[in-house]
Every structure is written in C-alpha cells, then in structure tokens.
Amino acid sequence: MLKLVLTYLSQSAWARRIVQGWGFANRTAARFVAGETLDEAITVIKDLNSRGIYTTLDHLGENVTSREEAILAADEIIMIINRLVDEGIPSGISIKLSQIGLVLDLEICRENLFRIMESACEGNIFIRIDMEDSSLTQATLDLFNSVRSEGFENCTGIVIQSSLLRSQDDIKDLMSGSCKVRICKGAYKEPHTVAFPKKKSVDENFDRSTELLLDRSLEIGSSVSPNGSIPPLPAIATHDQVRVDHALDYADQIGLDKRGLEFQMLFGIREDIQVSLHDQGYAVRVYVPYGSEWYPYFVRRLAERPANLWFFLSNFFR
C-alpha cells in the first residue's frame, strides 16, 4: 500500500510543488541525485571514476508535449555528449525516448535519436536506451534495432525488464545480434496481462535472463573497454544481493572473465555492494541522475526500499 501511495505521489503535480519547496527535501534528494546542473554531475562522475567506478549519466526530464521541446531535449543530450568528449570523461549516457518525442511523434523521436547517435558514436560515447512502461516497449525496441541497423551497434545498448512476460523472447532476439543489454527488474506498475504478478517470478526471470546474457558474453568474448567507456554485452542492474550472488556464481560456473560482465547500480544506493564488487575485480557502473526535475525520480527511490524512506523521514525531524 505504501509503495502505491508513493508511486502516485511521484506523478502528482501538487505534491511536487510542496516537496520541492522544502529545503530538507532538496538536501535529502542529494543522496540520490547528483545535483541540478551538469557541472555538479560531472564533479560526482569524476569522483566515482577516481575510485574505479564507471558511470552512466542521465539528465532527468519529463515527457515532452511539443516538437520544439523534443528537439530541445535532444539538443541538451548532444551538448552533454560534447562536454564529456571535450573533458575526456569516459562516461556513458542513459536516455528515455519519451524525453525526445516517442509519445508525441515516432518520426520526431527517430530523427532526434539519430542525431544523438551520430554525435555519440563520433565521440566514442555509449548511449543506453532506457526502457519505460510496457506501452512503449515495442516502439523502443524497434527504434533501437533501427539505429543498430544504420551502423551504430557498437555505441548503443538497450534495457530489458524481468517483470515483463515477454522479456525472455526479447532477450533471445537481442542475443542473436549480440546486443548490449542491461537487465533490471522494472519499476513500473503493469497489468497481469503483460507482467508477472509475484516478486518470486520476477526474480526467477531475472536470474534466467542473466544466464542468457552471460552465456552469450562468453560465446563472443565480450569485455568492458579498458577505460570503461563501452560496457560488455551483459549489464546486471540490481541492488538485490541474491541476484548479484546468482550472477557471480553462474559467471564462475561457466568460466566467464570478470571483465565479461558488469554490475550497474543507482547513485547513492547500496554503495557497500558497489565497493565489494569493485574490490573483487568486477566492473561496476553507477547510474548518475541530475537535473531540476528530480522530484519523480526521488520519490520512486523512496518507494523502492523502506530504508530510503526512513532516511528521508529521519532528516525531516532533525
């Protein structure tokens, strides 16, 4: 029930206005969001890189409502790419296609995505296309396959959610082309017609998906690039220690090199696991969000784990 309430609040305009006006909320959000400006985010990225942690940067934003907004959002991403290239920062970038026009107009989104990919590949910047709710899954996969077919396959990857019933079939299709895939559980509330209703099933599907990705990585000899700019084929995105342990055990069982997979986690969450994996010699990549539109992202993080909500409330009463 609490998760449902927080999920509702993450989408509420009135709640956003109230919470973003609280100074302590801004301070608490700093645990999960790397600031409101690109300069602040780059400072965080450089610190993580100095400790051997790779990164993927995300400029938080909302769905666009006009062609002009979609073009401006794509321009902003290209500006970020240029900044990373100019400063020699080997960070990837994560993007949501709804931010560049997917819900508004498919062709506008396609044009914007191709502009982004041209800049990214020229600068050797990896673009991870995030997956959104199930209503956008097929369109997202279609656009991903479209940019791959145009020669951008080495600098782009996709995300698959183990909560969806279709995910195994999608992964098998993607593995036929040796696509770079991030597997995550999925944070969207979906109907039982398209998603597993129970957590146990989502976890089991996550583990099966992980095995498919690791098997393919071994087959093709995939590996993270020396400076971490380009990830290996499989990215295991979870804060669940059981899922992490399953990936480690299976990788060891099949003899996959430690550089043949990477673990991905969110900025400010389970840093203990991040450090442990890095110390064991595994590649760890942290998702670094920034921007003024931090409220929805922040509340979703509170909804995911009771410990995050307790951290927020304890700061409220200080």
Protein backbone atom coordinates (compact mmCIF):
# COMPACT_ATOMS: atom_id res chain seq x y z
CA MET A 1 0.00 0.00 0.00
CA LEU A 2 2.79 2.43 0.93
CA LYS A 3 4.55 1.78 -2.38
CA LEU A 4 1.32 2.50 -4.28
CA VAL A 5 0.85 5.79 -2.40
CA LEU A 6 4.41 6.90 -3.09
CA THR A 7 4.13 5.89 -6.74
CA TYR A 8 1.01 8.06 -7.01
CA LEU A 9 2.78 10.96 -5.30
CA SER A 10 5.73 10.68 -7.70
CA GLN A 11 3.32 11.61 -10.51
CA SER A 12 1.42 14.30 -8.58
CA ALA A 13 1.96 17.94 -9.55
CA TRP A 14 0.62 19.30 -6.24
CA ALA A 15 2.89 17.02 -4.20
CA ARG A 16 5.85 18.05 -6.32
CA ARG A 17 5.22 21.74 -5.68
CA ILE A 18 5.08 21.15 -1.93
CA VAL A 19 8.08 18.82 -1.59
CA GLN A 20 10.39 20.79 -3.90
CA GLY A 21 9.74 23.81 -1.70
CA TRP A 22 11.15 22.04 1.36
CA GLY A 23 14.83 22.74 1.90
CA PHE A 24 15.38 19.46 3.73
CA ALA A 25 13.86 17.55 0.78
CA ASN A 26 16.43 19.11 -1.53
CA ARG A 27 19.21 18.16 0.88
CA THR A 28 17.93 14.59 1.25
CA ALA A 29 17.49 14.17 -2.51
CA ALA A 30 21.20 14.94 -2.87
CA ARG A 31 21.85 11.40 -1.64
CA PHE A 32 20.23 10.03 -4.81
CA VAL A 33 20.58 12.90 -7.32
CA ALA A 34 23.96 14.36 -8.32
CA GLY A 35 22.80 17.97 -8.32
CA GLU A 36 20.67 20.12 -10.60
CA THR A 37 23.42 21.18 -13.03
CA LEU A 38 25.76 19.33 -15.38
CA ASP A 39 28.75 20.84 -13.57
CA GLU A 40 27.59 19.25 -10.32
CA ALA A 41 27.02 15.90 -12.01
CA ILE A 42 30.46 15.94 -13.64
CA THR A 43 32.07 16.56 -10.25
CA VAL A 44 30.31 13.43 -8.95
CA ILE A 45 31.34 11.42 -12.02
CA LYS A 46 34.98 12.41 -11.69
CA ASP A 47 34.96 11.36 -8.04
CA LEU A 48 33.45 7.97 -8.89
CA ASN A 49 35.89 7.46 -11.77
CA SER A 50 38.82 8.27 -9.47
CA ARG A 51 37.72 5.32 -7.32
CA GLY A 52 37.50 2.96 -10.28
CA ILE A 53 33.71 3.13 -10.64
CA TYR A 54 32.31 3.61 -14.16
CA THR A 55 29.29 5.80 -14.80
CA THR A 56 26.29 6.46 -16.99
CA LEU A 57 24.79 9.95 -16.85
CA ASP A 58 21.09 10.76 -17.02
CA HIS A 59 19.60 14.24 -17.39
CA LEU A 60 16.25 13.93 -15.61
CA GLY A 61 13.28 15.29 -17.50
CA GLU A 62 9.60 14.93 -18.23
CA ASN A 63 7.65 13.73 -21.26
CA VAL A 64 7.68 16.43 -23.90
CA THR A 65 4.46 17.92 -25.25
CA SER A 66 5.66 19.58 -28.46
CA ARG A 67 8.08 19.10 -31.34
CA GLU A 68 10.10 22.06 -30.09
CA GLU A 69 10.50 20.54 -26.62
CA ALA A 70 11.60 17.22 -28.11
CA ILE A 71 14.23 18.92 -30.27
CA LEU A 72 15.49 20.95 -27.31
CA ALA A 73 15.76 17.79 -25.19
CA ALA A 74 17.83 16.10 -27.90
CA ASP A 75 19.99 19.22 -28.23
CA GLU A 76 20.62 19.06 -24.47
CA ILE A 77 21.79 15.44 -24.73
CA ILE A 78 24.11 16.34 -27.62
CA MET A 79 25.50 19.19 -25.52
CA ILE A 80 26.22 16.68 -22.73
CA ILE A 81 27.97 14.39 -25.22
CA ASN A 82 30.17 17.26 -26.42
CA ARG A 83 31.02 18.23 -22.85
CA LEU A 84 32.07 14.68 -21.96
CA VAL A 85 34.19 14.45 -25.11
CA ASP A 86 35.82 17.85 -24.56
CA GLU A 87 36.79 16.95 -20.98
CA GLY A 88 37.83 13.39 -21.83
CA ILE A 89 35.33 11.85 -19.41
CA PRO A 90 34.63 8.18 -20.30
CA SER A 91 31.02 8.19 -19.08
CA GLY A 92 28.06 6.74 -20.89
CA ILE A 93 24.66 8.42 -21.12
CA SER A 94 21.24 6.92 -20.46
CA ILE A 95 18.25 8.35 -22.32
CA LYS A 96 14.49 7.83 -22.31
CA LEU A 97 12.90 8.03 -25.73
CA SER A 98 9.77 9.70 -24.32
CA GLN A 99 12.03 12.63 -23.48
CA ILE A 100 12.87 13.13 -27.16
CA GLY A 101 9.39 12.67 -28.58
CA LEU A 102 8.42 8.96 -28.59
CA VAL A 103 4.93 9.52 -27.17
CA LEU A 104 4.46 12.67 -29.23
CA ASP A 105 5.53 11.56 -32.72
CA LEU A 106 7.54 8.49 -33.75
CA GLU A 107 9.32 10.22 -36.63
CA ILE A 108 10.37 13.19 -34.49
CA CYS A 109 11.79 10.74 -31.97
CA ARG A 110 13.61 8.82 -34.70
CA GLU A 111 15.18 11.99 -36.09
CA ASN A 112 16.29 13.11 -32.64
CA LEU A 113 17.68 9.68 -31.77
CA PHE A 114 19.73 9.50 -34.96
CA ARG A 115 21.16 12.98 -34.27
CA ILE A 116 22.15 11.85 -30.79
CA MET A 117 23.71 8.61 -32.02
CA GLU A 118 25.77 10.37 -34.69
CA SER A 119 27.30 12.68 -32.07
CA ALA A 120 27.78 9.89 -29.54
CA CYS A 121 29.48 7.41 -31.85
CA GLU A 122 31.75 10.10 -33.26
CA GLY A 123 32.89 10.90 -29.71
CA ASN A 124 33.00 7.25 -28.55
CA ILE A 125 30.23 7.90 -26.02
CA PHE A 126 27.96 4.95 -25.24
CA ILE A 127 24.19 5.57 -25.24
CA ARG A 128 21.96 3.28 -23.20
CA ILE A 129 18.32 3.49 -24.27
CA ASP A 130 16.21 3.07 -21.15
CA MET A 131 13.03 1.02 -21.15
CA GLU A 132 9.84 2.69 -19.95
CA ASP A 133 6.37 1.26 -19.32
CA SER A 134 5.04 -1.65 -21.36
CA SER A 135 3.02 0.56 -23.71
CA LEU A 136 6.34 1.79 -25.15
CA THR A 137 8.31 -1.47 -25.11
CA GLN A 138 7.86 -2.48 -28.75
CA ALA A 139 8.38 1.02 -30.12
CA THR A 140 11.55 1.37 -28.04
CA LEU A 141 12.91 -1.95 -29.31
CA ASP A 142 12.02 -1.05 -32.90
CA LEU A 143 13.92 2.25 -32.69
CA PHE A 144 16.87 0.55 -31.01
CA ASN A 145 17.07 -2.03 -33.80
CA SER A 146 16.73 0.77 -36.35
CA VAL A 147 19.79 2.67 -35.11
CA ARG A 148 21.78 -0.57 -34.87
CA SER A 149 20.99 -1.37 -38.48
CA GLU A 150 22.36 2.03 -39.51
CA GLY A 151 25.83 1.32 -38.12
CA PHE A 152 25.52 2.46 -34.50
CA GLU A 153 25.63 -1.03 -32.96
CA ASN A 154 28.93 -0.54 -31.11
CA CYS A 155 27.87 2.55 -29.17
CA THR A 156 24.34 1.74 -28.08
CA GLY A 157 22.55 -0.68 -25.80
CA ILE A 158 19.05 -1.41 -24.55
CA VAL A 159 17.29 -2.28 -21.29
CA ILE A 160 15.04 -5.29 -20.64
CA GLN A 161 12.78 -5.62 -17.59
CA SER A 162 12.43 -9.06 -15.99
CA SER A 163 8.99 -8.09 -14.68
CA LEU A 164 7.53 -8.41 -18.20
CA LEU A 165 6.29 -11.74 -19.54
CA ARG A 166 7.88 -11.04 -22.94
CA SER A 167 11.40 -10.41 -21.67
CA GLN A 168 12.83 -13.89 -22.36
CA ASP A 169 11.77 -13.75 -26.00
CA ASP A 170 13.13 -10.21 -26.33
CA ILE A 171 16.50 -11.23 -24.89
CA LYS A 172 16.78 -14.22 -27.22
CA ASP A 173 16.08 -11.95 -30.20
CA LEU A 174 18.63 -9.40 -28.99
CA MET A 175 21.27 -12.08 -28.36
CA SER A 176 21.05 -13.19 -32.00
CA GLY A 177 22.60 -9.81 -32.77
CA SER A 178 24.90 -9.75 -29.73
CA CYS A 179 23.24 -6.56 -28.48
CA LYS A 180 24.42 -4.94 -25.27
CA VAL A 181 21.62 -5.45 -22.74
CA ARG A 182 21.00 -4.14 -19.25
CA ILE A 183 18.69 -6.47 -17.33
CA CYS A 184 16.71 -4.91 -14.50
CA LYS A 185 13.55 -5.88 -12.63
CA GLY A 186 11.45 -2.91 -13.75
CA ALA A 187 9.91 -0.15 -11.67
CA TYR A 188 6.55 0.28 -13.42
CA LYS A 189 3.20 -0.98 -12.17
CA GLU A 190 1.92 -3.17 -15.01
CA PRO A 191 -1.24 -5.25 -15.57
CA HIS A 192 -1.02 -9.02 -15.08
CA THR A 193 -1.68 -9.48 -18.78
CA VAL A 194 1.87 -8.30 -19.54
CA ALA A 195 3.80 -8.71 -16.27
CA PHE A 196 4.46 -11.28 -13.58
CA PRO A 197 2.18 -10.68 -10.58
CA LYS A 198 4.59 -12.02 -7.95
CA LYS A 199 8.08 -10.92 -6.94
CA LYS A 200 9.33 -14.51 -6.90
CA SER A 201 8.53 -14.89 -10.59
CA VAL A 202 10.23 -11.58 -11.41
CA ASP A 203 13.36 -12.72 -9.54
CA GLU A 204 13.40 -16.11 -11.26
CA ASN A 205 13.02 -14.44 -14.64
CA PHE A 206 15.84 -12.04 -13.76
CA ASP A 207 18.15 -14.98 -13.00
CA ARG A 208 17.24 -16.82 -16.20
CA SER A 209 17.80 -13.63 -18.19
CA THR A 210 21.17 -13.13 -16.51
CA GLU A 211 22.23 -16.62 -17.54
CA LEU A 212 21.29 -15.99 -21.18
CA LEU A 213 23.32 -12.78 -21.21
CA LEU A 214 26.37 -14.32 -19.55
CA ASP A 215 26.31 -17.32 -21.89
CA ARG A 216 26.32 -15.03 -24.91
CA SER A 217 29.08 -12.87 -23.46
CA LEU A 218 31.24 -15.97 -23.09
CA GLU A 219 30.46 -17.09 -26.65
CA ILE A 220 31.56 -13.83 -28.27
CA GLY A 221 34.32 -12.86 -25.81
CA SER A 222 32.64 -9.61 -24.77
CA SER A 223 34.51 -7.34 -22.37
CA VAL A 224 34.26 -3.85 -20.91
CA SER A 225 36.64 -1.42 -22.63
CA PRO A 226 39.88 -0.57 -20.76
CA ASN A 227 38.68 2.89 -19.69
CA GLY A 228 35.11 1.76 -19.05
CA SER A 229 33.57 3.92 -21.77
CA ILE A 230 31.99 0.95 -23.58
CA PRO A 231 30.31 -1.75 -21.45
CA PRO A 232 30.38 -5.50 -22.11
CA LEU A 233 27.33 -7.28 -23.52
CA PRO A 234 25.69 -8.04 -20.14
CA ALA A 235 24.88 -5.35 -17.57
CA ILE A 236 23.32 -6.77 -14.39
CA ALA A 237 21.35 -3.91 -12.84
CA THR A 238 20.18 -4.77 -9.33
CA HIS A 239 20.66 -3.89 -5.67
CA ASP A 240 19.40 -7.34 -4.66
CA GLN A 241 22.29 -9.27 -3.10
CA VAL A 242 20.69 -12.62 -4.02
CA ARG A 243 20.53 -11.65 -7.69
CA VAL A 244 24.12 -10.39 -7.56
CA ASP A 245 25.28 -13.65 -5.98
CA HIS A 246 23.48 -15.69 -8.63
CA ALA A 247 25.24 -13.75 -11.39
CA LEU A 248 28.61 -14.21 -9.69
CA ASP A 249 28.06 -17.93 -9.16
CA TYR A 250 26.90 -18.53 -12.73
CA ALA A 251 29.75 -16.50 -14.24
CA ASP A 252 32.22 -18.55 -12.21
CA GLN A 253 30.47 -21.78 -13.20
CA ILE A 254 30.80 -21.11 -16.95
CA GLY A 255 34.27 -19.57 -16.67
CA LEU A 256 33.36 -16.04 -17.74
CA ASP A 257 36.11 -13.48 -17.22
CA LYS A 258 35.36 -10.80 -14.64
CA ARG A 259 35.54 -8.14 -17.37
CA GLY A 260 32.92 -10.04 -19.37
CA LEU A 261 30.06 -8.59 -17.34
CA GLU A 262 29.35 -5.51 -15.30
CA PHE A 263 27.06 -4.66 -12.43
CA GLN A 264 25.02 -1.47 -12.51
CA MET A 265 23.51 0.35 -9.55
CA LEU A 266 21.95 3.70 -8.77
CA PHE A 267 23.89 6.61 -7.33
CA GLY A 268 23.63 6.63 -3.54
CA ILE A 269 22.18 3.12 -3.16
CA ARG A 270 23.99 0.01 -1.86
CA GLU A 271 27.42 1.54 -2.02
CA ASP A 272 28.61 -1.37 0.13
CA ILE A 273 27.87 -3.80 -2.71
CA GLN A 274 29.44 -1.47 -5.27
CA VAL A 275 32.70 -1.31 -3.32
CA SER A 276 32.74 -5.05 -2.65
CA LEU A 277 32.27 -5.94 -6.32
CA HIS A 278 34.90 -3.44 -7.43
CA ASP A 279 37.37 -4.80 -4.87
CA GLN A 280 36.77 -8.30 -6.25
CA GLY A 281 37.77 -7.09 -9.71
CA TYR A 282 34.34 -6.74 -11.32
CA ALA A 283 33.26 -3.77 -13.40
CA VAL A 284 30.74 -1.58 -11.58
CA ARG A 285 28.81 1.22 -13.29
CA VAL A 286 26.75 3.77 -11.36
CA TYR A 287 23.71 5.48 -12.86
CA VAL A 288 24.18 9.20 -12.11
CA PRO A 289 21.00 11.30 -12.47
CA TYR A 290 20.94 15.07 -12.34
CA GLY A 291 18.62 17.96 -13.18
CA SER A 292 15.95 20.24 -11.79
CA GLU A 293 13.22 17.65 -12.47
CA TRP A 294 14.46 15.40 -9.65
CA TYR A 295 11.19 15.02 -7.73
CA PRO A 296 9.60 12.00 -9.57
CA TYR A 297 12.89 10.11 -9.57
CA PHE A 298 13.48 10.86 -5.88
CA VAL A 299 10.03 9.67 -4.75
CA ARG A 300 10.35 6.46 -6.79
CA ARG A 301 13.56 5.73 -4.89
CA LEU A 302 11.68 6.20 -1.61
CA ALA A 303 9.02 3.77 -2.81
CA GLU A 304 11.52 1.06 -3.71
CA ARG A 305 13.11 0.50 -0.31
CA PRO A 306 11.85 1.21 3.23
CA ALA A 307 15.41 2.18 4.22
CA ASN A 308 15.31 5.07 1.75
CA LEU A 309 12.02 6.34 3.18
CA TRP A 310 13.38 6.10 6.73
CA PHE A 311 16.43 8.11 5.67
CA PHE A 312 14.10 10.81 4.31
CA LEU A 313 11.88 10.90 7.41
CA SER A 314 14.82 10.96 9.82
CA ASN A 315 16.09 14.09 8.05
CA PHE A 316 12.61 15.65 8.28
CA PHE A 317 12.64 15.52 12.08
CA ARG A 318 16.19 16.80 12.54
